[in-house]
């Protein structure tokens, strides 16, 4: 109940809190049990460093939302993986016209 309002309000701490709560709800608990020890240990290590950790649908990808670029670089250097950036443009359609004469 807190994820979408937090996203709409730009409340990163609310988003991260919601991500953490979702990880123990419903079928997500089953998804976590299906993960390897390596995935669960990585999630625990990230969490112990203060990062909220989410599991992608059926894993094994883990995710979080760093609050700064520096925090993102710390994640990469400590745990591997990569940081992506939003483009905030949404979907775009490009029409190509074909001369039919």
PDB file of N, CA and C in Angstrom:
ATOM      1  N   UNK A   1       0.808  -1.192   0.000  1.00  0.00           N
ATOM      2  CA  UNK A   1       0.000   0.000   0.000  1.00  0.00           C
ATOM      3  C   UNK A   1       0.856   1.263   0.000  1.00  0.00           C
ATOM      4  N   UNK A   2       2.134   1.132   0.240  1.00  0.00           N
ATOM      5  CA  UNK A   2       2.969   2.314   0.302  1.00  0.00           C
ATOM      6  C   UNK A   2       3.835   2.549  -0.917  1.00  0.00           C
ATOM      7  N   UNK A   3       3.995   1.542  -1.763  1.00  0.00           N
ATOM      8  CA  UNK A   3       4.933   1.661  -2.879  1.00  0.00           C
ATOM      9  C   UNK A   3       4.513   2.738  -3.883  1.00  0.00           C
ATOM     10  N   UNK A   4       3.324   2.627  -4.428  1.00  0.00           N
ATOM     11  CA  UNK A   4       2.910   3.588  -5.458  1.00  0.00           C
ATOM     12  C   UNK A   4       2.806   5.013  -4.926  1.00  0.00           C
ATOM     13  N   UNK A   5       2.224   5.244  -3.750  1.00  0.00           N
ATOM     14  CA  UNK A   5       2.232   6.616  -3.241  1.00  0.00           C
ATOM     15  C   UNK A   5       3.651   7.162  -3.046  1.00  0.00           C
ATOM     16  N   UNK A   6       4.565   6.309  -2.598  1.00  0.00           N
ATOM     17  CA  UNK A   6       5.948   6.757  -2.407  1.00  0.00           C
ATOM     18  C   UNK A   6       6.604   7.113  -3.730  1.00  0.00           C
ATOM     19  N   UNK A   7       6.342   6.308  -4.756  1.00  0.00           N
ATOM     20  CA  UNK A   7       6.880   6.616  -6.090  1.00  0.00           C
ATOM     21  C   UNK A   7       6.304   7.942  -6.578  1.00  0.00           C
ATOM     22  N   UNK A   8       4.988   8.097  -6.449  1.00  0.00           N
ATOM     23  CA  UNK A   8       4.334   9.323  -6.925  1.00  0.00           C
ATOM     24  C   UNK A   8       4.848  10.563  -6.199  1.00  0.00           C
ATOM     25  N   UNK A   9       5.204  10.412  -4.924  1.00  0.00           N
ATOM     26  CA  UNK A   9       5.679  11.548  -4.132  1.00  0.00           C
ATOM     27  C   UNK A   9       7.188  11.732  -4.203  1.00  0.00           C
ATOM     28  N   UNK A  10       7.887  10.833  -4.900  1.00  0.00           N
ATOM     29  CA  UNK A  10       9.340  10.932  -4.978  1.00  0.00           C
ATOM     30  C   UNK A  10      10.008  10.646  -3.654  1.00  0.00           C
ATOM     31  N   UNK A  11       9.380   9.793  -2.851  1.00  0.00           N
ATOM     32  CA  UNK A  11       9.870   9.452  -1.505  1.00  0.00           C
ATOM     33  C   UNK A  11      10.684   8.167  -1.567  1.00  0.00           C
ATOM     34  N   UNK A  12      12.002   8.295  -1.792  1.00  0.00           N
ATOM     35  CA  UNK A  12      12.861   7.124  -1.946  1.00  0.00           C
ATOM     36  C   UNK A  12      12.852   6.237  -0.713  1.00  0.00           C
ATOM     37  N   UNK A  13      12.898   6.811   0.474  1.00  0.00           N
ATOM     38  CA  UNK A  13      12.911   5.973   1.676  1.00  0.00           C
ATOM     39  C   UNK A  13      11.611   5.174   1.789  1.00  0.00           C
ATOM     40  N   UNK A  14      10.482   5.756   1.389  1.00  0.00           N
ATOM     41  CA  UNK A  14       9.220   5.020   1.391  1.00  0.00           C
ATOM     42  C   UNK A  14       9.220   3.893   0.366  1.00  0.00           C
ATOM     43  N   UNK A  15       9.812   4.141  -0.807  1.00  0.00           N
ATOM     44  CA  UNK A  15       9.932   3.105  -1.833  1.00  0.00           C
ATOM     45  C   UNK A  15      10.769   1.947  -1.301  1.00  0.00           C
ATOM     46  N   UNK A  16      11.912   2.267  -0.715  1.00  0.00           N
ATOM     47  CA  UNK A  16      12.804   1.217  -0.217  1.00  0.00           C
ATOM     48  C   UNK A  16      12.165   0.422   0.921  1.00  0.00           C
ATOM     49  N   UNK A  17      11.450   1.105   1.784  1.00  0.00           N
ATOM     50  CA  UNK A  17      10.750   0.417   2.873  1.00  0.00           C
ATOM     51  C   UNK A  17       9.694  -0.531   2.299  1.00  0.00           C
ATOM     52  N   UNK A  18       8.983  -0.094   1.284  1.00  0.00           N
ATOM     53  CA  UNK A  18       7.969  -0.938   0.650  1.00  0.00           C
ATOM     54  C   UNK A  18       8.599  -2.139  -0.044  1.00  0.00           C
ATOM     55  N   UNK A  19       9.714  -1.925  -0.730  1.00  0.00           N
ATOM     56  CA  UNK A  19      10.416  -3.032  -1.389  1.00  0.00           C
ATOM     57  C   UNK A  19      10.796  -4.083  -0.353  1.00  0.00           C
ATOM     58  N   UNK A  20      11.325  -3.648   0.772  1.00  0.00           N
ATOM     59  CA  UNK A  20      11.699  -4.602   1.824  1.00  0.00           C
ATOM     60  C   UNK A  20      10.479  -5.367   2.330  1.00  0.00           C
ATOM     61  N   UNK A  21       9.366  -4.688   2.552  1.00  0.00           N
ATOM     62  CA  UNK A  21       8.163  -5.357   3.056  1.00  0.00           C
ATOM     63  C   UNK A  21       7.614  -6.371   2.056  1.00  0.00           C
ATOM     64  N   UNK A  22       7.657  -6.032   0.788  1.00  0.00           N
ATOM     65  CA  UNK A  22       7.118  -6.917  -0.245  1.00  0.00           C
ATOM     66  C   UNK A  22       7.854  -8.261  -0.265  1.00  0.00           C
ATOM     67  N   UNK A  23       9.125  -8.261   0.101  1.00  0.00           N
ATOM     68  CA  UNK A  23       9.938  -9.479   0.010  1.00  0.00           C
ATOM     69  C   UNK A  23       9.449 -10.607   0.913  1.00  0.00           C
ATOM     70  N   UNK A  24       8.642 -10.298   1.904  1.00  0.00           N
ATOM     71  CA  UNK A  24       8.165 -11.344   2.816  1.00  0.00           C
ATOM     72  C   UNK A  24       6.661 -11.605   2.671  1.00  0.00           C
ATOM     73  N   UNK A  25       6.070 -11.093   1.606  1.00  0.00           N
ATOM     74  CA  UNK A  25       4.624 -11.255   1.410  1.00  0.00           C
ATOM     75  C   UNK A  25       4.310 -12.326   0.372  1.00  0.00           C
ATOM     76  N   UNK A  26       3.234 -13.036   0.598  1.00  0.00           N
ATOM     77  CA  UNK A  26       2.671 -13.951  -0.382  1.00  0.00           C
ATOM     78  C   UNK A  26       3.668 -14.858  -1.069  1.00  0.00           C
ATOM     79  N   UNK A  27       3.529 -14.952  -2.398  1.00  0.00           N
ATOM     80  CA  UNK A  27       4.355 -15.867  -3.172  1.00  0.00           C
ATOM     81  C   UNK A  27       5.815 -15.440  -3.214  1.00  0.00           C
ATOM     82  N   UNK A  28       6.109 -14.170  -2.918  1.00  0.00           N
ATOM     83  CA  UNK A  28       7.500 -13.708  -2.918  1.00  0.00           C
ATOM     84  C   UNK A  28       8.322 -14.520  -1.915  1.00  0.00           C
ATOM     85  N   UNK A  29       7.706 -14.933  -0.811  1.00  0.00           N
ATOM     86  CA  UNK A  29       8.422 -15.785   0.172  1.00  0.00           C
ATOM     87  C   UNK A  29       8.859 -17.084  -0.471  1.00  0.00           C
ATOM     88  N   UNK A  30       7.989 -17.667  -1.297  1.00  0.00           N
ATOM     89  CA  UNK A  30       8.323 -18.907  -2.003  1.00  0.00           C
ATOM     90  C   UNK A  30       9.470 -18.660  -2.974  1.00  0.00           C
ATOM     91  N   UNK A  31       9.402 -17.551  -3.699  1.00  0.00           N
ATOM     92  CA  UNK A  31      10.466 -17.218  -4.651  1.00  0.00           C
ATOM     93  C   UNK A  31      11.819 -17.137  -3.946  1.00  0.00           C
ATOM     94  N   UNK A  32      11.847 -16.540  -2.760  1.00  0.00           N
ATOM     95  CA  UNK A  32      13.106 -16.461  -2.002  1.00  0.00           C
ATOM     96  C   UNK A  32      13.595 -17.851  -1.614  1.00  0.00           C
ATOM     97  N   UNK A  33      12.693 -18.730  -1.216  1.00  0.00           N
ATOM     98  CA  UNK A  33      13.104 -20.094  -0.826  1.00  0.00           C
ATOM     99  C   UNK A  33      13.680 -20.864  -2.000  1.00  0.00           C
ATOM    100  N   UNK A  34      13.289 -20.529  -3.218  1.00  0.00           N
ATOM    101  CA  UNK A  34      13.781 -21.217  -4.412  1.00  0.00           C
ATOM    102  C   UNK A  34      15.164 -20.743  -4.854  1.00  0.00           C
ATOM    103  N   UNK A  35      15.689 -19.702  -4.211  1.00  0.00           N
ATOM    104  CA  UNK A  35      16.983 -19.140  -4.610  1.00  0.00           C
ATOM    105  C   UNK A  35      18.135 -19.948  -4.022  1.00  0.00           C
ATOM    106  N   UNK A  36      19.272 -19.845  -4.677  1.00  0.00           N
ATOM    107  CA  UNK A  36      20.476 -20.518  -4.188  1.00  0.00           C
ATOM    108  C   UNK A  36      20.971 -19.835  -2.914  1.00  0.00           C
ATOM    109  N   UNK A  37      21.808 -20.547  -2.189  1.00  0.00           N
ATOM    110  CA  UNK A  37      22.424 -19.958  -0.995  1.00  0.00           C
ATOM    111  C   UNK A  37      23.216 -18.708  -1.365  1.00  0.00           C
ATOM    112  N   UNK A  38      23.856 -18.722  -2.529  1.00  0.00           N
ATOM    113  CA  UNK A  38      24.662 -17.584  -2.974  1.00  0.00           C
ATOM    114  C   UNK A  38      23.802 -16.325  -3.116  1.00  0.00           C
ATOM    115  N   UNK A  39      22.621 -16.454  -3.697  1.00  0.00           N
ATOM    116  CA  UNK A  39      21.730 -15.298  -3.869  1.00  0.00           C
ATOM    117  C   UNK A  39      21.264 -14.796  -2.507  1.00  0.00           C
ATOM    118  N   UNK A  40      20.856 -15.710  -1.632  1.00  0.00           N
ATOM    119  CA  UNK A  40      20.386 -15.306  -0.300  1.00  0.00           C
ATOM    120  C   UNK A  40      21.512 -14.668   0.518  1.00  0.00           C
ATOM    121  N   UNK A  41      22.734 -15.187   0.402  1.00  0.00           N
ATOM    122  CA  UNK A  41      23.872 -14.610   1.132  1.00  0.00           C
ATOM    123  C   UNK A  41      24.215 -13.218   0.603  1.00  0.00           C
ATOM    124  N   UNK A  42      24.144 -13.027  -0.700  1.00  0.00           N
ATOM    125  CA  UNK A  42      24.398 -11.705  -1.276  1.00  0.00           C
ATOM    126  C   UNK A  42      23.354 -10.709  -0.785  1.00  0.00           C
ATOM    127  N   UNK A  43      22.094 -11.113  -0.782  1.00  0.00           N
ATOM    128  CA  UNK A  43      21.030 -10.239  -0.293  1.00  0.00           C
ATOM    129  C   UNK A  43      21.258  -9.879   1.172  1.00  0.00           C
ATOM    130  N   UNK A  44      21.674 -10.853   1.959  1.00  0.00           N
ATOM    131  CA  UNK A  44      21.929 -10.601   3.382  1.00  0.00           C
ATOM    132  C   UNK A  44      23.105  -9.639   3.559  1.00  0.00           C
ATOM    133  N   UNK A  45      24.145  -9.814   2.742  1.00  0.00           N
ATOM    134  CA  UNK A  45      25.316  -8.921   2.823  1.00  0.00           C
ATOM    135  C   UNK A  45      24.934  -7.494   2.428  1.00  0.00           C
ATOM    136  N   UNK A  46      24.134  -7.350   1.376  1.00  0.00           N
ATOM    137  CA  UNK A  46      23.692  -6.021   0.964  1.00  0.00           C
ATOM    138  C   UNK A  46      22.837  -5.379   2.050  1.00  0.00           C
ATOM    139  N   UNK A  47      21.950  -6.158   2.610  1.00  0.00           N
ATOM    140  CA  UNK A  47      21.079  -5.657   3.669  1.00  0.00           C
ATOM    141  C   UNK A  47      21.874  -5.236   4.898  1.00  0.00           C
ATOM    142  N   UNK A  48      22.909  -6.003   5.227  1.00  0.00           N
ATOM    143  CA  UNK A  48      23.723  -5.669   6.400  1.00  0.00           C
ATOM    144  C   UNK A  48      24.494  -4.365   6.201  1.00  0.00           C
ATOM    145  N   UNK A  49      24.691  -3.963   4.932  1.00  0.00           N
ATOM    146  CA  UNK A  49      25.341  -2.685   4.627  1.00  0.00           C
ATOM    147  C   UNK A  49      24.333  -1.545   4.522  1.00  0.00           C
ATOM    148  N   UNK A  50      23.054  -1.849   4.795  1.00  0.00           N
ATOM    149  CA  UNK A  50      22.026  -0.814   4.818  1.00  0.00           C
ATOM    150  C   UNK A  50      21.237  -0.639   3.537  1.00  0.00           C
ATOM    151  N   UNK A  51      21.399  -1.553   2.580  1.00  0.00           N
ATOM    152  CA  UNK A  51      20.672  -1.460   1.325  1.00  0.00           C
ATOM    153  C   UNK A  51      19.410  -2.303   1.380  1.00  0.00           C
ATOM    154  N   UNK A  52      18.285  -1.722   0.990  1.00  0.00           N
ATOM    155  CA  UNK A  52      17.050  -2.481   0.833  1.00  0.00           C
ATOM    156  C   UNK A  52      17.229  -3.357  -0.403  1.00  0.00           C
ATOM    157  N   UNK A  53      16.852  -4.614  -0.313  1.00  0.00           N
ATOM    158  CA  UNK A  53      17.099  -5.548  -1.413  1.00  0.00           C
ATOM    159  C   UNK A  53      15.784  -6.166  -1.863  1.00  0.00           C
ATOM    160  N   UNK A  54      15.592  -6.158  -3.175  1.00  0.00           N
ATOM    161  CA  UNK A  54      14.444  -6.825  -3.771  1.00  0.00           C
ATOM    162  C   UNK A  54      14.913  -7.937  -4.675  1.00  0.00           C
ATOM    163  N   UNK A  55      14.081  -8.947  -4.823  1.00  0.00           N
ATOM    164  CA  UNK A  55      14.353 -10.068  -5.719  1.00  0.00           C
ATOM    165  C   UNK A  55      13.474  -9.913  -6.946  1.00  0.00           C
ATOM    166  N   UNK A  56      14.093  -9.990  -8.128  1.00  0.00           N
ATOM    167  CA  UNK A  56      13.299  -9.923  -9.352  1.00  0.00           C
ATOM    168  C   UNK A  56      12.339 -11.109  -9.376  1.00  0.00           C
ATOM    169  N   UNK A  57      11.387 -11.063 -10.252  1.00  0.00           N
ATOM    170  CA  UNK A  57      10.414 -12.141 -10.335  1.00  0.00           C
ATOM    171  C   UNK A  57      11.130 -13.467 -10.578  1.00  0.00           C
ATOM    172  N   UNK A  58      11.057 -14.342  -9.623  1.00  0.00           N
ATOM    173  CA  UNK A  58      11.716 -15.646  -9.615  1.00  0.00           C
ATOM    174  C   UNK A  58      13.238 -15.576  -9.601  1.00  0.00           C
ATOM    175  N   UNK A  59      13.831 -14.379  -9.490  1.00  0.00           N
ATOM    176  CA  UNK A  59      15.269 -14.241  -9.354  1.00  0.00           C
ATOM    177  C   UNK A  59      16.017 -14.769 -10.561  1.00  0.00           C
ATOM    178  N   UNK A  60      17.295 -14.863 -10.470  1.00  0.00           N
ATOM    179  CA  UNK A  60      18.120 -14.612  -9.295  1.00  0.00           C
ATOM    180  C   UNK A  60      18.599 -13.166  -9.178  1.00  0.00           C
ATOM    181  N   UNK A  61      18.089 -12.285 -10.032  1.00  0.00           N
ATOM    182  CA  UNK A  61      18.560 -10.897  -9.977  1.00  0.00           C
ATOM    183  C   UNK A  61      18.063 -10.196  -8.716  1.00  0.00           C
ATOM    184  N   UNK A  62      18.975  -9.441  -8.102  1.00  0.00           N
ATOM    185  CA  UNK A  62      18.641  -8.622  -6.947  1.00  0.00           C
ATOM    186  C   UNK A  62      18.671  -7.166  -7.382  1.00  0.00           C
ATOM    187  N   UNK A  63      17.902  -6.327  -6.708  1.00  0.00           N
ATOM    188  CA  UNK A  63      17.894  -4.907  -7.050  1.00  0.00           C
ATOM    189  C   UNK A  63      17.727  -4.051  -5.809  1.00  0.00           C
ATOM    190  N   UNK A  64      18.119  -2.813  -5.946  1.00  0.00           N
ATOM    191  CA  UNK A  64      17.877  -1.780  -4.950  1.00  0.00           C
ATOM    192  C   UNK A  64      17.891  -0.447  -5.678  1.00  0.00           C
ATOM    193  N   UNK A  65      17.624   0.621  -4.972  1.00  0.00           N
ATOM    194  CA  UNK A  65      17.620   1.956  -5.563  1.00  0.00           C
ATOM    195  C   UNK A  65      18.569   2.833  -4.762  1.00  0.00           C
ATOM    196  N   UNK A  66      19.788   3.046  -5.256  1.00  0.00           N
ATOM    197  CA  UNK A  66      20.718   3.908  -4.526  1.00  0.00           C
ATOM    198  C   UNK A  66      20.249   5.359  -4.556  1.00  0.00           C
ATOM    199  N   UNK A  67      20.540   6.073  -3.488  1.00  0.00           N
ATOM    200  CA  UNK A  67      20.075   7.460  -3.406  1.00  0.00           C
ATOM    201  C   UNK A  67      21.043   8.444  -4.055  1.00  0.00           C
ATOM    202  N   UNK A  68      22.290   8.017  -4.262  1.00  0.00           N
ATOM    203  CA  UNK A  68      23.279   8.887  -4.895  1.00  0.00           C
ATOM    204  C   UNK A  68      24.126   8.068  -5.862  1.00  0.00           C
ATOM    205  N   UNK A  69      24.796   8.753  -6.769  1.00  0.00           N
ATOM    206  CA  UNK A  69      25.695   8.057  -7.688  1.00  0.00           C
ATOM    207  C   UNK A  69      26.832   7.391  -6.910  1.00  0.00           C
ATOM    208  N   UNK A  70      27.301   8.054  -5.874  1.00  0.00           N
ATOM    209  CA  UNK A  70      28.371   7.487  -5.044  1.00  0.00           C
ATOM    210  C   UNK A  70      27.919   6.170  -4.408  1.00  0.00           C
ATOM    211  N   UNK A  71      26.696   6.152  -3.914  1.00  0.00           N
ATOM    212  CA  UNK A  71      26.160   4.929  -3.327  1.00  0.00           C
ATOM    213  C   UNK A  71      26.063   3.826  -4.382  1.00  0.00           C
ATOM    214  N   UNK A  72      25.682   4.195  -5.594  1.00  0.00           N
ATOM    215  CA  UNK A  72      25.625   3.229  -6.689  1.00  0.00           C
ATOM    216  C   UNK A  72      26.990   2.646  -7.005  1.00  0.00           C
ATOM    217  N   UNK A  73      28.010   3.510  -7.020  1.00  0.00           N
ATOM    218  CA  UNK A  73      29.380   3.018  -7.270  1.00  0.00           C
ATOM    219  C   UNK A  73      29.843   2.102  -6.142  1.00  0.00           C
ATOM    220  N   UNK A  74      29.452   2.419  -4.901  1.00  0.00           N
ATOM    221  CA  UNK A  74      29.796   1.551  -3.767  1.00  0.00           C
ATOM    222  C   UNK A  74      29.168   0.176  -3.949  1.00  0.00           C
ATOM    223  N   UNK A  75      27.917   0.151  -4.378  1.00  0.00           N
ATOM    224  CA  UNK A  75      27.252  -1.131  -4.637  1.00  0.00           C
ATOM    225  C   UNK A  75      28.006  -1.930  -5.684  1.00  0.00           C
ATOM    226  N   UNK A  76      28.350  -1.280  -6.797  1.00  0.00           N
ATOM    227  CA  UNK A  76      29.065  -1.963  -7.881  1.00  0.00           C
ATOM    228  C   UNK A  76      30.408  -2.503  -7.419  1.00  0.00           C
ATOM    229  N   UNK A  77      31.170  -1.674  -6.722  1.00  0.00           N
ATOM    230  CA  UNK A  77      32.517  -2.099  -6.335  1.00  0.00           C
ATOM    231  C   UNK A  77      32.496  -3.158  -5.236  1.00  0.00           C
ATOM    232  N   UNK A  78      31.513  -3.121  -4.390  1.00  0.00           N
ATOM    233  CA  UNK A  78      31.441  -4.076  -3.284  1.00  0.00           C
ATOM    234  C   UNK A  78      30.790  -5.392  -3.691  1.00  0.00           C
ATOM    235  N   UNK A  79      29.705  -5.302  -4.462  1.00  0.00           N
ATOM    236  CA  UNK A  79      28.904  -6.493  -4.737  1.00  0.00           C
ATOM    237  C   UNK A  79      28.881  -6.901  -6.201  1.00  0.00           C
ATOM    238  N   UNK A  80      29.425  -6.094  -7.089  1.00  0.00           N
ATOM    239  CA  UNK A  80      29.351  -6.387  -8.513  1.00  0.00           C
ATOM    240  C   UNK A  80      28.045  -5.866  -9.087  1.00  0.00           C
ATOM    241  N   UNK A  81      27.714  -6.334 -10.259  1.00  0.00           N
ATOM    242  CA  UNK A  81      26.491  -5.878 -10.893  1.00  0.00           C
ATOM    243  C   UNK A  81      26.685  -4.558 -11.606  1.00  0.00           C
ATOM    244  N   UNK A  82      25.607  -3.827 -11.800  1.00  0.00           N
ATOM    245  CA  UNK A  82      25.688  -2.567 -12.524  1.00  0.00           C
ATOM    246  C   UNK A  82      24.562  -1.647 -12.081  1.00  0.00           C
ATOM    247  N   UNK A  83      24.742  -0.371 -12.359  1.00  0.00           N
ATOM    248  CA  UNK A  83      23.749   0.650 -12.056  1.00  0.00           C
ATOM    249  C   UNK A  83      23.156   1.128 -13.374  1.00  0.00           C
ATOM    250  N   UNK A  84      21.855   1.227 -13.416  1.00  0.00           N
ATOM    251  CA  UNK A  84      21.189   1.792 -14.586  1.00  0.00           C
ATOM    252  C   UNK A  84      20.553   3.113 -14.191  1.00  0.00           C
ATOM    253  N   UNK A  85      20.265   3.919 -15.187  1.00  0.00           N
ATOM    254  CA  UNK A  85      19.687   5.240 -14.937  1.00  0.00           C
ATOM    255  C   UNK A  85      18.379   5.377 -15.704  1.00  0.00           C
ATOM    256  N   UNK A  86      17.378   6.008 -15.107  1.00  0.00           N
ATOM    257  CA  UNK A  86      16.111   6.193 -15.826  1.00  0.00           C
ATOM    258  C   UNK A  86      16.263   7.239 -16.915  1.00  0.00           C
ATOM    259  N   UNK A  87      15.476   7.085 -17.981  1.00  0.00           N
ATOM    260  CA  UNK A  87      15.497   8.120 -19.015  1.00  0.00           C
ATOM    261  C   UNK A  87      14.314   9.074 -18.873  1.00  0.00           C
ATOM    262  N   UNK A  88      13.335   8.715 -18.061  1.00  0.00           N
ATOM    263  CA  UNK A  88      12.175   9.563 -17.768  1.00  0.00           C
ATOM    264  C   UNK A  88      11.496  10.119 -19.010  1.00  0.00           C
ATOM    265  N   UNK A  89      11.524   9.380 -20.098  1.00  0.00           N
ATOM    266  CA  UNK A  89      10.890   9.841 -21.329  1.00  0.00           C
ATOM    267  C   UNK A  89       9.650   9.030 -21.666  1.00  0.00           C
ATOM    268  N   UNK A  90       9.489   7.882 -21.087  1.00  0.00           N
ATOM    269  CA  UNK A  90       8.357   7.040 -21.429  1.00  0.00           C
ATOM    270  C   UNK A  90       8.515   6.446 -22.816  1.00  0.00           C
ATOM    271  N   UNK A  91       7.452   5.834 -23.285  1.00  0.00           N
ATOM    272  CA  UNK A  91       7.489   5.186 -24.600  1.00  0.00           C
ATOM    273  C   UNK A  91       7.469   6.232 -25.709  1.00  0.00           C
ATOM    274  N   UNK A  92       8.188   5.959 -26.767  1.00  0.00           N
ATOM    275  CA  UNK A  92       8.204   6.844 -27.929  1.00  0.00           C
ATOM    276  C   UNK A  92       7.953   6.017 -29.185  1.00  0.00           C
ATOM    277  N   UNK A  93       7.247   6.582 -30.110  1.00  0.00           N
ATOM    278  CA  UNK A  93       7.020   5.934 -31.398  1.00  0.00           C
ATOM    279  C   UNK A  93       7.673   6.804 -32.468  1.00  0.00           C
ATOM    280  N   UNK A  94       8.436   6.181 -33.323  1.00  0.00           N
ATOM    281  CA  UNK A  94       9.075   6.886 -34.430  1.00  0.00           C
ATOM    282  C   UNK A  94       8.483   6.339 -35.711  1.00  0.00           C
ATOM    283  N   UNK A  95       7.864   7.218 -36.469  1.00  0.00           N
ATOM    284  CA  UNK A  95       7.240   6.817 -37.725  1.00  0.00           C
ATOM    285  C   UNK A  95       8.192   7.122 -38.874  1.00  0.00           C
ATOM    286  N   UNK A  96       8.385   6.157 -39.717  1.00  0.00           N
ATOM    287  CA  UNK A  96       9.167   6.347 -40.939  1.00  0.00           C
ATOM    288  C   UNK A  96       8.200   6.384 -42.107  1.00  0.00           C
ATOM    289  N   UNK A  97       8.288   7.422 -42.898  1.00  0.00           N
ATOM    290  CA  UNK A  97       7.401   7.480 -44.068  1.00  0.00           C
ATOM    291  C   UNK A  97       8.113   6.836 -45.252  1.00  0.00           C
ATOM    292  N   UNK A  98       7.352   6.099 -46.007  1.00  0.00           N
ATOM    293  CA  UNK A  98       7.897   5.431 -47.203  1.00  0.00           C
ATOM    294  C   UNK A  98       7.233   6.061 -48.412  1.00  0.00           C
ATOM    295  N   UNK A  99       8.055   6.519 -49.324  1.00  0.00           N
ATOM    296  CA  UNK A  99       7.525   7.127 -50.548  1.00  0.00           C
ATOM    297  C   UNK A  99       6.961   6.024 -51.418  1.00  0.00           C
ATOM    298  N   UNK A 100       5.651   6.044 -51.621  1.00  0.00           N
ATOM    299  CA  UNK A 100       5.023   4.973 -52.379  1.00  0.00           C
ATOM    300  C   UNK A 100       4.771   5.341 -53.847  1.00  0.00           C
ATOM    301  N   UNK A 101       5.426   6.384 -54.389  1.00  0.00           N
ATOM    302  CA  UNK A 101       5.201   6.736 -55.787  1.00  0.00           C
ATOM    303  C   UNK A 101       6.037   5.960 -56.739  1.00  0.00           C
TER     304      UNK A 101
END
